[in-house]
Amino acid sequence: MEFGLLVIFYYGILHAFGPDHLTAIADFAIGKNRKKTLMITASFAIAHGLSLFIFAKILQTFEVSETILGYGDVIASSVILGIGAYLLFMVFTNRIHLNKHMHGDKEHVHIWFGNKHKHDTQAKDKTMLASAISIGALMGIGGVRGMLITLAALSGQVVSLWMVVSFSAGVFVVFMVFGLFIAAINEKLLTSQKNVRNIFTLAGLVSVFVGSKMLLG
């Protein structure tokens, strides 16, 4: 049983490498400091795992049509596409700003959207966190049937709680490692207005591509 859970953990890792998952995390975490990046990533991962677990139990008890479950992916894909378009709009209208200042003996880089001289980061951070949680949950709804089919095929039996937990743990590990990668990009590369413009443009283009591809099937 222990070896089987390790195999399922591995399949969770493979599941997490879906471009839609990583694109969503990048969209929400780009430009944030390390603490906020990891908080957003962890919130997305936990919401995704809980959604997989809750809807896995629902599907084992009730029959839910593929169409209804598909709405989760449709909404999530639309949001990814919308975020990509929004990032590109903010870049090309020069509404992404960078400011450097010292915290003690350490330089601090601050990035914000909108008015160059006025910003409310606390309210926007709360909105961003809530959005990340919502999209993580929606992607869980869209992917739950595929997960159940995979787990049932691997185990040859009814999917158990520990199987879902093991699968979700694999997903969580990849998401957090990717969050650390995004945090490193934020710290090492987003240090000039030119780099901010280039990286946000890339993030926007990737989001538009991934979101469009998911919607078109």
C-alpha atoms as a PDB file:
ATOM      1  CA  MET A   1       0.000   0.000   0.000  1.00  0.00           C
ATOM      2  CA  GLU A   2       2.861   2.376   0.910  1.00  0.00           C
ATOM      3  CA  PHE A   3       4.502   1.851  -2.487  1.00  0.00           C
ATOM      4  CA  GLY A   4       1.162   2.444  -4.198  1.00  0.00           C
ATOM      5  CA  LEU A   5       0.794   5.780  -2.403  1.00  0.00           C
ATOM      6  CA  LEU A   6       4.280   6.769  -3.583  1.00  0.00           C
ATOM      7  CA  VAL A   7       3.263   5.999  -7.159  1.00  0.00           C
ATOM      8  CA  ILE A   8       0.127   8.107  -6.706  1.00  0.00           C
ATOM      9  CA  PHE A   9       2.279  10.889  -5.199  1.00  0.00           C
ATOM     10  CA  TYR A  10       4.385  10.752  -8.375  1.00  0.00           C
ATOM     11  CA  TYR A  11       1.273  11.053 -10.540  1.00  0.00           C
ATOM     12  CA  GLY A  12       0.292  14.095  -8.476  1.00  0.00           C
ATOM     13  CA  ILE A  13       3.646  15.623  -9.381  1.00  0.00           C
ATOM     14  CA  LEU A  14       2.981  14.974 -13.069  1.00  0.00           C
ATOM     15  CA  HIS A  15      -0.500  16.494 -12.759  1.00  0.00           C
ATOM     16  CA  ALA A  16       0.933  19.681 -11.224  1.00  0.00           C
ATOM     17  CA  PHE A  17       3.147  20.343 -14.239  1.00  0.00           C
ATOM     18  CA  GLY A  18       0.099  21.254 -16.333  1.00  0.00           C
ATOM     19  CA  PRO A  19       0.747  24.629 -18.003  1.00  0.00           C
ATOM     20  CA  ASP A  20      -2.589  25.975 -16.762  1.00  0.00           C
ATOM     21  CA  HIS A  21      -1.615  25.444 -13.106  1.00  0.00           C
ATOM     22  CA  LEU A  22       1.837  26.981 -13.422  1.00  0.00           C
ATOM     23  CA  THR A  23       0.595  29.870 -15.540  1.00  0.00           C
ATOM     24  CA  ALA A  24      -2.059  30.739 -12.965  1.00  0.00           C
ATOM     25  CA  ILE A  25       0.487  30.706 -10.136  1.00  0.00           C
ATOM     26  CA  ALA A  26       2.895  32.863 -12.136  1.00  0.00           C
ATOM     27  CA  ASP A  27       0.151  35.371 -12.967  1.00  0.00           C
ATOM     28  CA  PHE A  28      -0.820  35.852  -9.336  1.00  0.00           C
ATOM     29  CA  ALA A  29       2.703  35.752  -7.851  1.00  0.00           C
ATOM     30  CA  ILE A  30       4.778  37.721 -10.360  1.00  0.00           C
ATOM     31  CA  GLY A  31       6.102  40.970  -8.939  1.00  0.00           C
ATOM     32  CA  LYS A  32       5.440  40.040  -5.293  1.00  0.00           C
ATOM     33  CA  ASN A  33       7.975  39.704  -2.492  1.00  0.00           C
ATOM     34  CA  ARG A  34       8.990  36.224  -1.318  1.00  0.00           C
ATOM     35  CA  LYS A  35       6.493  36.072   1.568  1.00  0.00           C
ATOM     36  CA  LYS A  36       3.523  37.095  -0.585  1.00  0.00           C
ATOM     37  CA  THR A  37       4.624  34.825  -3.435  1.00  0.00           C
ATOM     38  CA  LEU A  38       4.748  31.763  -1.189  1.00  0.00           C
ATOM     39  CA  MET A  39       1.479  32.712   0.524  1.00  0.00           C
ATOM     40  CA  ILE A  40      -0.284  32.990  -2.844  1.00  0.00           C
ATOM     41  CA  THR A  41       1.259  29.718  -4.053  1.00  0.00           C
ATOM     42  CA  ALA A  42       0.371  27.826  -0.868  1.00  0.00           C
ATOM     43  CA  SER A  43      -3.195  29.195  -0.918  1.00  0.00           C
ATOM     44  CA  PHE A  44      -3.620  28.142  -4.558  1.00  0.00           C
ATOM     45  CA  ALA A  45      -2.211  24.674  -3.809  1.00  0.00           C
ATOM     46  CA  ILE A  46      -4.347  24.111  -0.699  1.00  0.00           C
ATOM     47  CA  ALA A  47      -7.509  25.289  -2.467  1.00  0.00           C
ATOM     48  CA  HIS A  48      -6.709  22.991  -5.394  1.00  0.00           C
ATOM     49  CA  GLY A  49      -6.098  20.010  -3.110  1.00  0.00           C
ATOM     50  CA  LEU A  50      -9.238  20.598  -1.036  1.00  0.00           C
ATOM     51  CA  SER A  51     -11.313  20.969  -4.192  1.00  0.00           C
ATOM     52  CA  LEU A  52      -9.939  17.702  -5.566  1.00  0.00           C
ATOM     53  CA  PHE A  53     -10.726  15.933  -2.296  1.00  0.00           C
ATOM     54  CA  ILE A  54     -14.241  17.366  -1.810  1.00  0.00           C
ATOM     55  CA  PHE A  55     -15.381  16.736  -5.361  1.00  0.00           C
ATOM     56  CA  ALA A  56     -13.738  13.306  -5.420  1.00  0.00           C
ATOM     57  CA  LYS A  57     -15.942  12.320  -2.473  1.00  0.00           C
ATOM     58  CA  ILE A  58     -18.997  13.884  -4.150  1.00  0.00           C
ATOM     59  CA  LEU A  59     -18.371  11.968  -7.388  1.00  0.00           C
ATOM     60  CA  GLN A  60     -17.995   8.723  -5.465  1.00  0.00           C
ATOM     61  CA  THR A  61     -21.445   9.282  -3.980  1.00  0.00           C
ATOM     62  CA  PHE A  62     -23.395  11.109  -6.688  1.00  0.00           C
ATOM     63  CA  GLU A  63     -23.379  11.162 -10.471  1.00  0.00           C
ATOM     64  CA  VAL A  64     -22.285  14.563 -11.763  1.00  0.00           C
ATOM     65  CA  SER A  65     -22.178  15.236 -15.495  1.00  0.00           C
ATOM     66  CA  GLU A  66     -18.925  15.985 -17.308  1.00  0.00           C
ATOM     67  CA  THR A  67     -20.485  19.220 -18.556  1.00  0.00           C
ATOM     68  CA  ILE A  68     -20.951  20.595 -15.047  1.00  0.00           C
ATOM     69  CA  LEU A  69     -17.413  19.656 -14.013  1.00  0.00           C
ATOM     70  CA  GLY A  70     -16.107  21.198 -17.219  1.00  0.00           C
ATOM     71  CA  TYR A  71     -17.391  24.606 -16.168  1.00  0.00           C
ATOM     72  CA  GLY A  72     -14.563  24.777 -13.622  1.00  0.00           C
ATOM     73  CA  ASP A  73     -11.938  24.572 -16.360  1.00  0.00           C
ATOM     74  CA  VAL A  74     -13.863  26.952 -18.626  1.00  0.00           C
ATOM     75  CA  ILE A  75     -14.062  29.622 -15.931  1.00  0.00           C
ATOM     76  CA  ALA A  76     -10.426  29.113 -14.884  1.00  0.00           C
ATOM     77  CA  SER A  77      -9.258  29.262 -18.513  1.00  0.00           C
ATOM     78  CA  SER A  78     -11.240  32.437 -19.092  1.00  0.00           C
ATOM     79  CA  VAL A  79      -9.676  34.027 -16.017  1.00  0.00           C
ATOM     80  CA  ILE A  80      -6.150  33.062 -17.144  1.00  0.00           C
ATOM     81  CA  LEU A  81      -6.868  34.573 -20.566  1.00  0.00           C
ATOM     82  CA  GLY A  82      -8.318  37.683 -18.933  1.00  0.00           C
ATOM     83  CA  ILE A  83      -5.333  38.111 -16.610  1.00  0.00           C
ATOM     84  CA  GLY A  84      -2.985  37.792 -19.576  1.00  0.00           C
ATOM     85  CA  ALA A  85      -4.870  40.475 -21.484  1.00  0.00           C
ATOM     86  CA  TYR A  86      -4.910  42.660 -18.358  1.00  0.00           C
ATOM     87  CA  LEU A  87      -1.137  42.315 -17.855  1.00  0.00           C
ATOM     88  CA  LEU A  88      -0.479  43.253 -21.483  1.00  0.00           C
ATOM     89  CA  PHE A  89      -2.814  46.249 -21.172  1.00  0.00           C
ATOM     90  CA  MET A  90      -1.019  47.421 -18.022  1.00  0.00           C
ATOM     91  CA  VAL A  91       2.383  47.030 -19.694  1.00  0.00           C
ATOM     92  CA  PHE A  92       1.528  48.889 -22.897  1.00  0.00           C
ATOM     93  CA  THR A  93      -0.241  51.713 -21.062  1.00  0.00           C
ATOM     94  CA  ASN A  94       2.747  52.093 -18.687  1.00  0.00           C
ATOM     95  CA  ARG A  95       0.740  51.281 -15.556  1.00  0.00           C
ATOM     96  CA  ILE A  96       3.210  48.894 -13.912  1.00  0.00           C
ATOM     97  CA  HIS A  97       5.629  50.799 -11.726  1.00  0.00           C
ATOM     98  CA  LEU A  98       8.808  50.021  -9.830  1.00  0.00           C
ATOM     99  CA  ASN A  99      10.282  51.847  -6.871  1.00  0.00           C
ATOM    100  CA  LYS A 100      13.479  51.122  -4.946  1.00  0.00           C
ATOM    101  CA  HIS A 101      14.134  52.184  -1.378  1.00  0.00           C
ATOM    102  CA  MET A 102      16.220  51.052   1.577  1.00  0.00           C
ATOM    103  CA  HIS A 103      14.973  48.990   4.525  1.00  0.00           C
ATOM    104  CA  GLY A 104      17.876  49.367   6.930  1.00  0.00           C
ATOM    105  CA  ASP A 105      20.917  48.232   4.952  1.00  0.00           C
ATOM    106  CA  LYS A 106      18.913  46.226   2.405  1.00  0.00           C
ATOM    107  CA  GLU A 107      17.460  47.521  -0.850  1.00  0.00           C
ATOM    108  CA  HIS A 108      13.736  46.873  -1.223  1.00  0.00           C
ATOM    109  CA  VAL A 109      12.023  46.779  -4.617  1.00  0.00           C
ATOM    110  CA  HIS A 110       8.328  47.597  -4.726  1.00  0.00           C
ATOM    111  CA  ILE A 111       6.137  46.925  -7.800  1.00  0.00           C
ATOM    112  CA  TRP A 112       2.562  48.113  -8.153  1.00  0.00           C
ATOM    113  CA  PHE A 113      -0.177  48.637 -10.749  1.00  0.00           C
ATOM    114  CA  GLY A 114      -2.127  51.768 -11.649  1.00  0.00           C
ATOM    115  CA  ASN A 115      -1.424  55.379 -10.699  1.00  0.00           C
ATOM    116  CA  LYS A 116       2.300  56.050 -10.386  1.00  0.00           C
ATOM    117  CA  HIS A 117       1.884  58.192  -7.264  1.00  0.00           C
ATOM    118  CA  LYS A 118      -1.016  56.409  -5.572  1.00  0.00           C
ATOM    119  CA  HIS A 119      -1.456  52.756  -4.677  1.00  0.00           C
ATOM    120  CA  ASP A 120      -3.308  50.641  -2.124  1.00  0.00           C
ATOM    121  CA  THR A 121      -1.306  47.429  -1.985  1.00  0.00           C
ATOM    122  CA  GLN A 122      -3.137  45.937   1.014  1.00  0.00           C
ATOM    123  CA  ALA A 123      -6.552  45.882  -0.678  1.00  0.00           C
ATOM    124  CA  LYS A 124      -5.073  44.608  -3.949  1.00  0.00           C
ATOM    125  CA  ASP A 125      -3.114  41.882  -2.152  1.00  0.00           C
ATOM    126  CA  LYS A 126      -6.304  40.614  -0.473  1.00  0.00           C
ATOM    127  CA  THR A 127      -8.097  40.566  -3.833  1.00  0.00           C
ATOM    128  CA  MET A 128      -5.171  38.735  -5.448  1.00  0.00           C
ATOM    129  CA  LEU A 129      -5.097  36.123  -2.675  1.00  0.00           C
ATOM    130  CA  ALA A 130      -8.851  35.529  -2.900  1.00  0.00           C
ATOM    131  CA  SER A 131      -8.585  35.199  -6.686  1.00  0.00           C
ATOM    132  CA  ALA A 132      -5.744  32.677  -6.407  1.00  0.00           C
ATOM    133  CA  ILE A 133      -7.795  30.576  -3.971  1.00  0.00           C
ATOM    134  CA  SER A 134     -10.836  30.707  -6.269  1.00  0.00           C
ATOM    135  CA  ILE A 135      -8.900  29.691  -9.387  1.00  0.00           C
ATOM    136  CA  GLY A 136      -7.114  26.896  -7.512  1.00  0.00           C
ATOM    137  CA  ALA A 137     -10.496  25.520  -6.438  1.00  0.00           C
ATOM    138  CA  LEU A 138     -12.009  25.854  -9.918  1.00  0.00           C
ATOM    139  CA  MET A 139      -9.087  23.983 -11.480  1.00  0.00           C
ATOM    140  CA  GLY A 140      -9.588  21.250  -8.898  1.00  0.00           C
ATOM    141  CA  ILE A 141     -13.218  20.880  -9.970  1.00  0.00           C
ATOM    142  CA  GLY A 142     -12.194  20.648 -13.621  1.00  0.00           C
ATOM    143  CA  GLY A 143      -9.495  18.046 -12.975  1.00  0.00           C
ATOM    144  CA  VAL A 144     -11.183  15.816 -10.409  1.00  0.00           C
ATOM    145  CA  ARG A 145     -12.689  13.271 -12.825  1.00  0.00           C
ATOM    146  CA  GLY A 146      -9.352  12.761 -14.565  1.00  0.00           C
ATOM    147  CA  MET A 147      -7.681  12.274 -11.188  1.00  0.00           C
ATOM    148  CA  LEU A 148     -10.254   9.669 -10.118  1.00  0.00           C
ATOM    149  CA  ILE A 149      -9.845   7.737 -13.371  1.00  0.00           C
ATOM    150  CA  THR A 150      -6.060   7.752 -12.932  1.00  0.00           C
ATOM    151  CA  LEU A 151      -6.214   6.658  -9.294  1.00  0.00           C
ATOM    152  CA  ALA A 152      -8.762   3.915  -9.980  1.00  0.00           C
ATOM    153  CA  ALA A 153      -6.659   2.587 -12.859  1.00  0.00           C
ATOM    154  CA  LEU A 154      -3.544   2.559 -10.684  1.00  0.00           C
ATOM    155  CA  SER A 155      -5.138   0.935  -7.654  1.00  0.00           C
ATOM    156  CA  GLY A 156      -7.717  -1.290  -9.307  1.00  0.00           C
ATOM    157  CA  GLN A 157     -10.079  -0.479  -6.455  1.00  0.00           C
ATOM    158  CA  VAL A 158     -12.240   2.263  -4.979  1.00  0.00           C
ATOM    159  CA  VAL A 159     -10.341   5.505  -4.499  1.00  0.00           C
ATOM    160  CA  SER A 160      -9.568   6.108  -0.811  1.00  0.00           C
ATOM    161  CA  LEU A 161      -8.927   9.248   1.223  1.00  0.00           C
ATOM    162  CA  TRP A 162      -5.203   8.496   1.434  1.00  0.00           C
ATOM    163  CA  MET A 163      -4.948   8.171  -2.333  1.00  0.00           C
ATOM    164  CA  VAL A 164      -6.403  11.652  -2.801  1.00  0.00           C
ATOM    165  CA  VAL A 165      -4.154  13.033  -0.044  1.00  0.00           C
ATOM    166  CA  SER A 166      -1.082  11.444  -1.622  1.00  0.00           C
ATOM    167  CA  PHE A 167      -2.005  12.791  -5.066  1.00  0.00           C
ATOM    168  CA  SER A 168      -2.638  16.269  -3.637  1.00  0.00           C
ATOM    169  CA  ALA A 169       0.673  16.179  -1.753  1.00  0.00           C
ATOM    170  CA  GLY A 170       2.517  15.608  -5.026  1.00  0.00           C
ATOM    171  CA  VAL A 171       0.696  18.578  -6.516  1.00  0.00           C
ATOM    172  CA  PHE A 172       1.522  20.735  -3.475  1.00  0.00           C
ATOM    173  CA  VAL A 173       5.260  19.990  -3.645  1.00  0.00           C
ATOM    174  CA  VAL A 174       5.533  21.047  -7.289  1.00  0.00           C
ATOM    175  CA  PHE A 175       3.487  24.193  -6.741  1.00  0.00           C
ATOM    176  CA  MET A 176       5.674  25.290  -3.811  1.00  0.00           C
ATOM    177  CA  VAL A 177       8.913  24.623  -5.708  1.00  0.00           C
ATOM    178  CA  PHE A 178       7.539  26.640  -8.619  1.00  0.00           C
ATOM    179  CA  GLY A 179       6.563  29.378  -6.153  1.00  0.00           C
ATOM    180  CA  LEU A 180      10.187  29.529  -4.975  1.00  0.00           C
ATOM    181  CA  PHE A 181      11.257  29.800  -8.620  1.00  0.00           C
ATOM    182  CA  ILE A 182       8.892  32.744  -9.178  1.00  0.00           C
ATOM    183  CA  ALA A 183      10.150  34.347  -5.953  1.00  0.00           C
ATOM    184  CA  ALA A 184      13.718  34.068  -7.268  1.00  0.00           C
ATOM    185  CA  ILE A 185      12.687  35.742 -10.534  1.00  0.00           C
ATOM    186  CA  ASN A 186      11.007  38.525  -8.588  1.00  0.00           C
ATOM    187  CA  GLU A 187      14.112  39.098  -6.462  1.00  0.00           C
ATOM    188  CA  LYS A 188      16.841  38.668  -9.076  1.00  0.00           C
ATOM    189  CA  LEU A 189      15.318  39.950 -12.317  1.00  0.00           C
ATOM    190  CA  LEU A 190      12.584  42.447 -11.459  1.00  0.00           C
ATOM    191  CA  THR A 191      15.080  45.120 -10.473  1.00  0.00           C
ATOM    192  CA  SER A 192      14.580  47.659 -13.279  1.00  0.00           C
ATOM    193  CA  GLN A 193      11.627  49.133 -15.150  1.00  0.00           C
ATOM    194  CA  LYS A 194      12.871  47.540 -18.384  1.00  0.00           C
ATOM    195  CA  ASN A 195      12.990  44.068 -16.829  1.00  0.00           C
ATOM    196  CA  VAL A 196       9.560  44.566 -15.263  1.00  0.00           C
ATOM    197  CA  ARG A 197       8.131  45.500 -18.641  1.00  0.00           C
ATOM    198  CA  ASN A 198       9.743  42.538 -20.436  1.00  0.00           C
ATOM    199  CA  ILE A 199       8.828  39.896 -17.840  1.00  0.00           C
ATOM    200  CA  PHE A 200       5.249  41.084 -17.407  1.00  0.00           C
ATOM    201  CA  THR A 201       4.870  41.140 -21.202  1.00  0.00           C
ATOM    202  CA  LEU A 202       6.106  37.534 -21.351  1.00  0.00           C
ATOM    203  CA  ALA A 203       3.752  36.516 -18.528  1.00  0.00           C
ATOM    204  CA  GLY A 204       0.836  38.187 -20.313  1.00  0.00           C
ATOM    205  CA  LEU A 205       1.577  36.529 -23.655  1.00  0.00           C
ATOM    206  CA  VAL A 206       1.955  33.080 -22.066  1.00  0.00           C
ATOM    207  CA  SER A 207      -1.325  33.542 -20.181  1.00  0.00           C
ATOM    208  CA  VAL A 208      -3.213  34.576 -23.313  1.00  0.00           C
ATOM    209  CA  PHE A 209      -1.781  31.583 -25.194  1.00  0.00           C
ATOM    210  CA  VAL A 210      -2.490  29.022 -22.442  1.00  0.00           C
ATOM    211  CA  GLY A 211      -5.966  30.394 -21.681  1.00  0.00           C
ATOM    212  CA  SER A 212      -6.928  30.470 -25.365  1.00  0.00           C
ATOM    213  CA  LYS A 213      -5.575  26.969 -25.975  1.00  0.00           C
ATOM    214  CA  MET A 214      -7.560  25.567 -23.036  1.00  0.00           C
ATOM    215  CA  LEU A 215     -10.785  27.244 -24.163  1.00  0.00           C
ATOM    216  CA  LEU A 216     -10.370  26.051 -27.745  1.00  0.00           C
ATOM    217  CA  GLY A 217      -9.534  22.529 -26.590  1.00  0.00           C
END
